[in-house]
Amino acid sequence: VQLQASGGGLVQAGGSLRLSCAASGNIFSIDAMNWYRQAPGKQRELVAAITSGGSTNYADSVKGRFTISRDNAKNTVYLQMNYLKPEDTAVYYCNAFIRSSQLRSYWGRGTLVTVSS
């Protein structure tokens, strides 16, 4: 099982980006799917989470600006990021709890988001 994230890049403050993360491999089902981020010199933090049923949760710092969604048919999770701020600059990682032979947590390689002021 692999998670492949894409969509990072350089954007000006106030702009938007959309991150995608697709799971592939021997997948029976996917439970929660999450986006984390890690800024330079800081700990990794949970940005947004979505359950298999579509319930969502967000960090206070991104509420009202970021939207997490998923396409279960494509085994893909998205993060729409609007009104980006310089403090959103970080490496963004997707994480998913995937059941193949057993349920376990998988991480994608990070994608860098840089927001210029």
N, C-alpha and C. Protein backbone atom coordinates (compact mmCIF):
# COMPACT_ATOMS: atom_id res chain seq x y z
N VAL A 1 0.86 -1.20 0.00
CA VAL A 1 0.00 0.00 0.00
C VAL A 1 0.89 1.24 0.00
N GLN A 2 0.53 2.19 -0.83
CA GLN A 2 1.27 3.44 -0.91
C GLN A 2 0.31 4.61 -0.92
N LEU A 3 0.78 5.75 -0.38
CA LEU A 3 0.05 7.00 -0.46
C LEU A 3 0.91 7.96 -1.27
N GLN A 4 0.32 8.57 -2.28
CA GLN A 4 1.04 9.50 -3.14
C GLN A 4 0.36 10.86 -3.07
N ALA A 5 1.08 11.83 -2.50
CA ALA A 5 0.54 13.18 -2.37
C ALA A 5 1.05 14.06 -3.50
N SER A 6 0.23 15.03 -3.87
CA SER A 6 0.61 15.98 -4.91
C SER A 6 -0.14 17.28 -4.69
N GLY A 7 0.30 18.33 -5.38
CA GLY A 7 -0.42 19.59 -5.37
C GLY A 7 0.25 20.72 -4.63
N GLY A 8 1.38 20.47 -3.99
CA GLY A 8 2.07 21.55 -3.29
C GLY A 8 2.69 22.52 -4.27
N GLY A 9 3.19 23.62 -3.73
CA GLY A 9 3.84 24.60 -4.57
C GLY A 9 3.98 25.93 -3.87
N LEU A 10 4.32 26.94 -4.66
CA LEU A 10 4.51 28.30 -4.16
C LEU A 10 3.30 29.14 -4.53
N VAL A 11 2.75 29.85 -3.56
CA VAL A 11 1.59 30.68 -3.79
C VAL A 11 1.71 31.94 -2.94
N GLN A 12 1.11 33.02 -3.42
CA GLN A 12 1.11 34.25 -2.66
C GLN A 12 0.06 34.21 -1.56
N ALA A 13 0.29 34.98 -0.52
CA ALA A 13 -0.70 35.07 0.55
C ALA A 13 -2.06 35.47 -0.02
N GLY A 14 -3.08 34.81 0.48
CA GLY A 14 -4.43 35.04 -0.03
C GLY A 14 -4.84 34.09 -1.14
N GLY A 15 -3.88 33.35 -1.65
CA GLY A 15 -4.14 32.43 -2.74
C GLY A 15 -4.66 31.08 -2.28
N SER A 16 -4.78 30.17 -3.23
CA SER A 16 -5.35 28.85 -2.96
C SER A 16 -4.48 27.76 -3.56
N LEU A 17 -4.54 26.60 -2.94
CA LEU A 17 -3.93 25.39 -3.46
C LEU A 17 -4.83 24.22 -3.12
N ARG A 18 -4.75 23.17 -3.92
CA ARG A 18 -5.49 21.95 -3.63
C ARG A 18 -4.51 20.78 -3.59
N LEU A 19 -4.44 20.13 -2.47
CA LEU A 19 -3.61 18.94 -2.31
C LEU A 19 -4.45 17.69 -2.55
N SER A 20 -3.81 16.69 -3.15
CA SER A 20 -4.45 15.40 -3.35
C SER A 20 -3.55 14.31 -2.79
N CYS A 21 -4.16 13.22 -2.36
CA CYS A 21 -3.39 12.08 -1.88
C CYS A 21 -4.15 10.81 -2.24
N ALA A 22 -3.54 10.00 -3.08
CA ALA A 22 -4.18 8.79 -3.56
C ALA A 22 -3.53 7.56 -2.95
N ALA A 23 -4.36 6.67 -2.48
CA ALA A 23 -3.88 5.39 -1.94
C ALA A 23 -3.96 4.33 -3.02
N SER A 24 -2.94 3.47 -3.06
CA SER A 24 -2.93 2.40 -4.06
C SER A 24 -2.34 1.14 -3.44
N GLY A 25 -2.62 0.02 -4.08
CA GLY A 25 -2.11 -1.24 -3.57
C GLY A 25 -3.24 -2.17 -3.18
N ASN A 26 -2.92 -3.10 -2.32
CA ASN A 26 -3.88 -4.10 -1.87
C ASN A 26 -4.75 -3.52 -0.75
N ILE A 27 -5.83 -2.86 -1.13
CA ILE A 27 -6.69 -2.14 -0.18
C ILE A 27 -8.04 -2.82 -0.08
N PHE A 28 -8.40 -3.18 1.16
CA PHE A 28 -9.74 -3.69 1.38
C PHE A 28 -10.69 -2.56 1.75
N SER A 29 -10.23 -1.69 2.65
CA SER A 29 -11.04 -0.53 3.03
C SER A 29 -10.13 0.53 3.64
N ILE A 30 -10.64 1.76 3.66
CA ILE A 30 -9.91 2.87 4.25
C ILE A 30 -10.78 3.53 5.31
N ASP A 31 -10.26 3.67 6.50
CA ASP A 31 -10.98 4.34 7.57
C ASP A 31 -10.67 5.84 7.49
N ALA A 32 -10.17 6.41 8.57
CA ALA A 32 -9.89 7.84 8.59
C ALA A 32 -8.76 8.20 7.63
N MET A 33 -8.89 9.39 7.05
CA MET A 33 -7.84 9.96 6.21
C MET A 33 -7.53 11.35 6.76
N ASN A 34 -6.27 11.68 6.87
CA ASN A 34 -5.87 12.91 7.55
C ASN A 34 -4.81 13.66 6.77
N TRP A 35 -4.74 14.94 7.04
CA TRP A 35 -3.63 15.77 6.57
C TRP A 35 -2.91 16.36 7.79
N TYR A 36 -1.61 16.22 7.79
CA TYR A 36 -0.75 16.82 8.81
C TYR A 36 0.19 17.80 8.11
N ARG A 37 0.81 18.65 8.91
CA ARG A 37 1.84 19.52 8.36
C ARG A 37 2.95 19.71 9.38
N GLN A 38 4.12 20.00 8.85
CA GLN A 38 5.27 20.28 9.72
C GLN A 38 6.03 21.46 9.16
N ALA A 39 6.03 22.54 9.92
CA ALA A 39 6.77 23.74 9.55
C ALA A 39 8.20 23.62 10.07
N PRO A 40 9.13 24.35 9.49
CA PRO A 40 10.52 24.30 9.94
C PRO A 40 10.65 24.59 11.43
N GLY A 41 11.32 23.71 12.14
CA GLY A 41 11.55 23.91 13.56
C GLY A 41 10.36 23.62 14.46
N LYS A 42 9.28 23.11 13.88
CA LYS A 42 8.07 22.83 14.66
C LYS A 42 7.71 21.36 14.58
N GLN A 43 6.86 20.94 15.50
CA GLN A 43 6.38 19.57 15.49
C GLN A 43 5.29 19.39 14.44
N ARG A 44 5.16 18.16 13.99
CA ARG A 44 4.08 17.84 13.05
C ARG A 44 2.74 18.00 13.76
N GLU A 45 1.79 18.62 13.05
CA GLU A 45 0.47 18.86 13.65
C GLU A 45 -0.63 18.39 12.71
N LEU A 46 -1.73 17.98 13.30
CA LEU A 46 -2.89 17.56 12.52
C LEU A 46 -3.60 18.80 12.00
N VAL A 47 -3.84 18.83 10.71
CA VAL A 47 -4.51 19.96 10.07
C VAL A 47 -6.00 19.67 9.88
N ALA A 48 -6.30 18.49 9.34
CA ALA A 48 -7.69 18.15 9.05
C ALA A 48 -7.82 16.64 9.00
N ALA A 49 -9.02 16.17 9.33
CA ALA A 49 -9.28 14.74 9.35
C ALA A 49 -10.67 14.49 8.79
N ILE A 50 -10.85 13.33 8.16
CA ILE A 50 -12.16 12.95 7.65
C ILE A 50 -12.34 11.45 7.85
N THR A 51 -13.50 11.08 8.37
CA THR A 51 -13.80 9.67 8.61
C THR A 51 -14.31 9.03 7.33
N SER A 52 -14.48 7.72 7.37
CA SER A 52 -15.00 7.02 6.21
C SER A 52 -16.43 7.45 5.90
N GLY A 53 -17.12 7.93 6.92
CA GLY A 53 -18.49 8.40 6.72
C GLY A 53 -18.59 9.86 6.32
N GLY A 54 -17.46 10.55 6.30
CA GLY A 54 -17.46 11.93 5.84
C GLY A 54 -17.45 12.99 6.94
N SER A 55 -17.41 12.58 8.18
CA SER A 55 -17.31 13.57 9.26
C SER A 55 -15.91 14.18 9.25
N THR A 56 -15.86 15.49 9.50
CA THR A 56 -14.58 16.20 9.39
C THR A 56 -14.22 16.91 10.70
N ASN A 57 -12.94 17.18 10.82
CA ASN A 57 -12.43 17.91 11.98
C ASN A 57 -11.23 18.72 11.51
N TYR A 58 -11.10 19.93 12.06
CA TYR A 58 -10.04 20.83 11.61
C TYR A 58 -9.29 21.44 12.79
N ALA A 59 -8.03 21.75 12.56
CA ALA A 59 -7.29 22.56 13.53
C ALA A 59 -7.90 23.95 13.54
N ASP A 60 -7.88 24.58 14.71
CA ASP A 60 -8.48 25.91 14.83
C ASP A 60 -7.84 26.90 13.85
N SER A 61 -6.57 26.72 13.58
CA SER A 61 -5.84 27.68 12.75
C SER A 61 -6.27 27.66 11.28
N VAL A 62 -6.98 26.61 10.86
CA VAL A 62 -7.37 26.51 9.45
C VAL A 62 -8.88 26.49 9.25
N LYS A 63 -9.63 26.49 10.34
CA LYS A 63 -11.09 26.46 10.22
C LYS A 63 -11.60 27.64 9.40
N GLY A 64 -12.50 27.35 8.48
CA GLY A 64 -13.05 28.38 7.63
C GLY A 64 -12.22 28.68 6.39
N ARG A 65 -11.00 28.13 6.34
CA ARG A 65 -10.13 28.37 5.18
C ARG A 65 -9.81 27.08 4.42
N PHE A 66 -9.68 25.99 5.13
CA PHE A 66 -9.33 24.70 4.52
C PHE A 66 -10.56 23.78 4.53
N THR A 67 -10.65 22.94 3.51
CA THR A 67 -11.71 21.95 3.42
C THR A 67 -11.13 20.61 3.03
N ILE A 68 -11.39 19.60 3.86
CA ILE A 68 -10.96 18.24 3.54
C ILE A 68 -12.13 17.48 2.95
N SER A 69 -11.84 16.66 1.95
CA SER A 69 -12.87 15.83 1.33
C SER A 69 -12.22 14.55 0.84
N ARG A 70 -13.05 13.59 0.47
CA ARG A 70 -12.50 12.33 -0.03
C ARG A 70 -13.39 11.75 -1.10
N ASP A 71 -12.78 10.99 -1.98
CA ASP A 71 -13.50 10.27 -3.03
C ASP A 71 -13.20 8.79 -2.77
N ASN A 72 -14.14 8.12 -2.16
CA ASN A 72 -13.91 6.73 -1.77
C ASN A 72 -13.72 5.81 -2.98
N ALA A 73 -14.33 6.14 -4.08
CA ALA A 73 -14.18 5.32 -5.28
C ALA A 73 -12.76 5.39 -5.83
N LYS A 74 -12.11 6.52 -5.57
CA LYS A 74 -10.74 6.71 -6.05
C LYS A 74 -9.70 6.55 -4.96
N ASN A 75 -10.13 6.21 -3.75
CA ASN A 75 -9.22 6.07 -2.61
C ASN A 75 -8.35 7.32 -2.45
N THR A 76 -8.97 8.47 -2.58
CA THR A 76 -8.24 9.73 -2.60
C THR A 76 -8.82 10.71 -1.59
N VAL A 77 -7.92 11.44 -0.95
CA VAL A 77 -8.32 12.51 -0.04
C VAL A 77 -7.76 13.81 -0.58
N TYR A 78 -8.52 14.88 -0.38
CA TYR A 78 -8.15 16.20 -0.88
C TYR A 78 -8.09 17.19 0.27
N LEU A 79 -7.30 18.24 0.07
CA LEU A 79 -7.30 19.36 0.99
C LEU A 79 -7.32 20.64 0.17
N GLN A 80 -8.47 21.29 0.17
CA GLN A 80 -8.60 22.58 -0.51
C GLN A 80 -8.19 23.66 0.48
N MET A 81 -7.19 24.43 0.12
CA MET A 81 -6.65 25.45 1.01
C MET A 81 -6.88 26.82 0.38
N ASN A 82 -7.69 27.63 1.03
CA ASN A 82 -8.00 28.98 0.55
C ASN A 82 -7.48 30.01 1.54
N TYR A 83 -7.37 31.25 1.07
CA TYR A 83 -6.90 32.35 1.91
C TYR A 83 -5.63 31.97 2.65
N LEU A 84 -4.68 31.45 1.92
CA LEU A 84 -3.45 30.97 2.52
C LEU A 84 -2.66 32.11 3.14
N LYS A 85 -1.99 31.78 4.24
CA LYS A 85 -1.18 32.74 4.99
C LYS A 85 0.27 32.25 5.01
N PRO A 86 1.22 33.16 5.20
CA PRO A 86 2.62 32.71 5.29
C PRO A 86 2.84 31.65 6.37
N GLU A 87 2.06 31.71 7.43
CA GLU A 87 2.22 30.73 8.51
C GLU A 87 1.69 29.35 8.13
N ASP A 88 1.07 29.22 6.98
CA ASP A 88 0.67 27.91 6.47
C ASP A 88 1.83 27.19 5.76
N THR A 89 2.93 27.89 5.59
CA THR A 89 4.09 27.29 4.95
C THR A 89 4.58 26.09 5.75
N ALA A 90 4.66 24.94 5.09
CA ALA A 90 5.04 23.69 5.76
C ALA A 90 5.11 22.58 4.73
N VAL A 91 5.65 21.46 5.17
CA VAL A 91 5.51 20.23 4.41
C VAL A 91 4.22 19.55 4.87
N TYR A 92 3.37 19.24 3.93
CA TYR A 92 2.08 18.63 4.23
C TYR A 92 2.15 17.12 3.94
N TYR A 93 1.66 16.34 4.90
CA TYR A 93 1.70 14.89 4.80
C TYR A 93 0.28 14.33 4.86
N CYS A 94 -0.02 13.36 4.02
CA CYS A 94 -1.27 12.66 4.16
C CYS A 94 -1.04 11.38 4.96
N ASN A 95 -2.08 10.98 5.65
CA ASN A 95 -2.05 9.80 6.52
C ASN A 95 -3.40 9.11 6.38
N ALA A 96 -3.38 7.80 6.36
CA ALA A 96 -4.63 7.06 6.24
C ALA A 96 -4.53 5.75 6.99
N PHE A 97 -5.66 5.35 7.55
CA PHE A 97 -5.76 4.05 8.21
C PHE A 97 -6.41 3.09 7.22
N ILE A 98 -5.60 2.17 6.72
CA ILE A 98 -5.99 1.31 5.62
C ILE A 98 -5.97 -0.15 6.06
N ARG A 99 -7.03 -0.83 5.66
CA ARG A 99 -7.13 -2.26 5.97
C ARG A 99 -6.80 -3.05 4.71
N SER A 100 -5.73 -3.80 4.76
CA SER A 100 -5.45 -4.79 3.71
C SER A 100 -5.53 -6.14 4.40
N SER A 101 -4.41 -6.69 4.81
CA SER A 101 -4.48 -7.90 5.62
C SER A 101 -4.81 -7.55 7.07
N GLN A 102 -4.48 -6.33 7.46
CA GLN A 102 -4.81 -5.81 8.79
C GLN A 102 -4.91 -4.30 8.70
N LEU A 103 -5.49 -3.69 9.71
CA LEU A 103 -5.63 -2.24 9.73
C LEU A 103 -4.34 -1.62 10.28
N ARG A 104 -3.79 -0.71 9.49
CA ARG A 104 -2.61 0.00 9.96
C ARG A 104 -2.55 1.39 9.36
N SER A 105 -1.67 2.20 9.94
CA SER A 105 -1.52 3.58 9.51
C SER A 105 -0.43 3.68 8.45
N TYR A 106 -0.75 4.44 7.41
CA TYR A 106 0.21 4.67 6.34
C TYR A 106 0.42 6.18 6.17
N TRP A 107 1.64 6.53 5.76
CA TRP A 107 1.99 7.93 5.52
C TRP A 107 2.48 8.11 4.09
N GLY A 108 2.08 9.23 3.51
CA GLY A 108 2.63 9.60 2.22
C GLY A 108 3.88 10.44 2.40
N ARG A 109 4.65 10.57 1.33
CA ARG A 109 5.77 11.49 1.35
C ARG A 109 5.20 12.90 1.30
N GLY A 110 5.82 13.80 1.98
CA GLY A 110 5.29 15.15 2.10
C GLY A 110 5.34 15.93 0.81
N THR A 111 4.49 16.93 0.76
CA THR A 111 4.51 17.88 -0.35
C THR A 111 4.63 19.28 0.25
N LEU A 112 5.55 20.06 -0.31
CA LEU A 112 5.89 21.37 0.26
C LEU A 112 4.92 22.44 -0.22
N VAL A 113 4.38 23.17 0.73
CA VAL A 113 3.55 24.34 0.45
C VAL A 113 4.28 25.56 0.99
N THR A 114 4.54 26.52 0.10
CA THR A 114 5.21 27.75 0.49
C THR A 114 4.31 28.93 0.16
N VAL A 115 4.01 29.73 1.18
CA VAL A 115 3.15 30.89 1.00
C VAL A 115 3.99 32.14 1.22
N SER A 116 4.10 32.94 0.18
CA SER A 116 4.90 34.16 0.27
C SER A 116 4.03 35.34 0.69
N SER A 117 4.64 36.26 1.41
CA SER A 117 3.88 37.43 1.89
C SER A 117 3.91 38.57 0.88
